[in-house]
Amino acid sequence: MTSPKARLDWSTPPALVAIGWFATVGAAVWAVLSDDLAGRVLVALAALVVALLALHGTLARPRLTADSNGVTLRRLTSRRQWTWAEVNVRVIRTKRLGRQVSTLELDAEDDLVVLGWLDLGTPPEDVADALRELRT
């Protein structure tokens, strides 16, 4: 008798999300205390962008979950689930700014999702290996 396969999940590292919230607060304080109007607007805009990224990192946890039935992708306000028959998993390597960058692609009939290290908290190659092992 075989034992059931584990459920695995991946998310943005919690420390990175915390840094995002800390940067949001710092930028907001800077924007309020700044004497320069143009600088205040730019810093406030940067604070908003970082806040949205930190919010996504907080609410979309875990970002990717997999078990013997398939994979589930969590977004900011929704979830998407595919069975193993509906999704192809592959690692894409590209050169950016002089270095090799890997991304994990989940290619379903109705969607293409690209996840990087920031989304997963783990190198995409390791996630792809774990997904292939769960799939078999």
Protein backbone atom coordinates (compact mmCIF):
# COMPACT_ATOMS: atom_id res chain seq x y z
CA MET A 1 0.00 0.00 0.00
CA THR A 2 1.40 3.38 -1.00
CA SER A 3 1.19 6.38 1.27
CA PRO A 4 -0.65 9.50 0.08
CA LYS A 5 1.52 12.19 -1.45
CA ALA A 6 2.14 15.35 0.49
CA ARG A 7 0.71 18.79 -0.14
CA LEU A 8 3.40 21.30 -1.01
CA ASP A 9 3.16 25.07 -1.16
CA TRP A 10 5.31 28.05 -2.08
CA SER A 11 5.03 31.76 -1.26
CA THR A 12 6.91 35.02 -1.24
CA PRO A 13 9.34 34.90 1.70
CA PRO A 14 7.70 36.46 4.80
CA ALA A 15 10.79 38.58 5.50
CA LEU A 16 10.49 40.15 2.05
CA VAL A 17 6.82 40.96 2.63
CA ALA A 18 7.71 42.53 5.99
CA ILE A 19 10.41 44.64 4.31
CA GLY A 20 7.77 45.79 1.82
CA TRP A 21 5.46 46.94 4.61
CA PHE A 22 8.35 48.64 6.43
CA ALA A 23 9.36 50.43 3.21
CA THR A 24 5.75 51.52 2.69
CA VAL A 25 5.59 53.11 6.12
CA GLY A 26 9.00 54.75 5.67
CA ALA A 27 8.10 56.17 2.27
CA ALA A 28 4.74 57.43 3.53
CA VAL A 29 6.39 59.22 6.45
CA TRP A 30 9.00 60.68 4.10
CA ALA A 31 6.26 61.91 1.74
CA VAL A 32 4.41 63.61 4.59
CA LEU A 33 7.54 65.28 6.01
CA SER A 34 9.10 66.33 2.68
CA ASP A 35 9.22 70.03 1.74
CA ASP A 36 9.65 69.33 -1.98
CA LEU A 37 6.25 68.96 -3.71
CA ALA A 38 7.57 66.97 -6.70
CA GLY A 39 9.57 64.69 -4.39
CA ARG A 40 6.52 64.25 -2.16
CA VAL A 41 4.42 63.10 -5.12
CA LEU A 42 7.08 60.67 -6.35
CA VAL A 43 7.70 59.17 -2.92
CA ALA A 44 3.95 58.88 -2.28
CA LEU A 45 3.55 57.07 -5.61
CA ALA A 46 6.44 54.75 -4.73
CA ALA A 47 4.83 54.08 -1.33
CA LEU A 48 1.57 53.16 -3.05
CA VAL A 49 3.28 50.74 -5.44
CA VAL A 50 5.25 49.07 -2.63
CA ALA A 51 2.09 48.86 -0.51
CA LEU A 52 0.24 47.09 -3.34
CA LEU A 53 3.10 44.62 -3.76
CA ALA A 54 3.25 43.97 -0.01
CA LEU A 55 -0.54 43.54 0.07
CA HIS A 56 -0.33 40.98 -2.71
CA GLY A 57 2.47 39.16 -0.87
CA THR A 58 0.35 39.15 2.30
CA LEU A 59 -3.01 38.06 0.86
CA ALA A 60 -1.91 35.67 -1.91
CA ARG A 61 -0.40 33.11 0.48
CA PRO A 62 0.43 30.42 -0.35
CA ARG A 63 0.99 31.53 -3.94
CA LEU A 64 1.23 28.01 -5.38
CA THR A 65 -0.05 24.79 -3.84
CA ALA A 66 0.26 21.30 -5.27
CA ASP A 67 -0.89 17.83 -4.29
CA SER A 68 -1.66 14.57 -6.05
CA ASN A 69 -4.81 16.10 -7.61
CA GLY A 70 -3.16 19.10 -9.28
CA VAL A 71 -2.06 22.66 -8.64
CA THR A 72 -3.76 25.71 -7.16
CA LEU A 73 -2.63 29.27 -7.83
CA ARG A 74 -3.69 31.95 -5.42
CA ARG A 75 -4.14 35.49 -6.67
CA LEU A 76 -4.99 38.66 -4.79
CA THR A 77 -8.75 38.03 -4.68
CA SER A 78 -9.23 34.64 -6.32
CA ARG A 79 -7.92 31.13 -6.70
CA ARG A 80 -7.32 29.10 -9.82
CA GLN A 81 -7.13 25.31 -9.73
CA TRP A 82 -6.05 22.84 -12.40
CA THR A 83 -5.80 19.07 -12.46
CA TRP A 84 -2.51 17.59 -13.63
CA ALA A 85 -4.11 16.74 -16.99
CA GLU A 86 -4.96 20.43 -17.55
CA VAL A 87 -1.55 21.97 -16.87
CA ASN A 88 1.99 21.72 -18.24
CA VAL A 89 4.87 22.76 -16.01
CA ARG A 90 8.17 23.98 -17.40
CA VAL A 91 11.14 26.12 -16.45
CA ILE A 92 12.15 28.89 -18.84
CA ARG A 93 15.65 30.34 -18.66
CA THR A 94 16.34 33.76 -20.15
CA LYS A 95 19.23 36.17 -20.01
CA ARG A 96 18.42 39.51 -18.39
CA LEU A 97 20.90 42.23 -17.58
CA GLY A 98 23.77 39.84 -18.18
CA ARG A 99 22.58 37.06 -15.92
CA GLN A 100 20.50 33.93 -16.33
CA VAL A 101 16.99 34.16 -14.85
CA SER A 102 14.67 31.19 -14.41
CA THR A 103 10.88 31.33 -14.29
CA LEU A 104 8.29 28.64 -13.76
CA GLU A 105 5.54 28.48 -16.36
CA LEU A 106 2.20 26.87 -15.69
CA ASP A 107 0.61 26.48 -19.09
CA ALA A 108 -3.07 25.55 -19.00
CA GLU A 109 -5.49 25.62 -21.91
CA ASP A 110 -7.06 28.85 -20.73
CA ASP A 111 -4.18 30.55 -18.92
CA LEU A 112 -0.41 31.03 -18.85
CA VAL A 113 1.08 31.82 -15.46
CA VAL A 114 4.71 32.86 -15.05
CA LEU A 115 6.19 32.69 -11.54
CA GLY A 116 9.65 33.70 -10.42
CA TRP A 117 11.70 33.36 -7.28
CA LEU A 118 9.90 36.31 -5.65
CA ASP A 119 6.54 34.55 -6.08
CA LEU A 120 7.78 31.16 -4.92
CA GLY A 121 10.49 31.88 -2.35
CA THR A 122 12.43 28.99 -3.89
CA PRO A 123 14.32 28.59 -7.16
CA PRO A 124 11.83 27.75 -9.94
CA GLU A 125 13.91 24.67 -10.89
CA ASP A 126 13.36 23.20 -7.41
CA VAL A 127 9.62 23.87 -7.59
CA ALA A 128 9.41 22.27 -11.05
CA ASP A 129 11.23 19.16 -9.77
CA ALA A 130 8.84 18.89 -6.81
CA LEU A 131 5.82 19.33 -9.11
CA ARG A 132 7.07 16.63 -11.48
CA GLU A 133 7.54 14.27 -8.55
CA LEU A 134 4.00 14.95 -7.27
CA ARG A 135 2.56 14.50 -10.73
CA THR A 136 3.86 10.95 -11.18
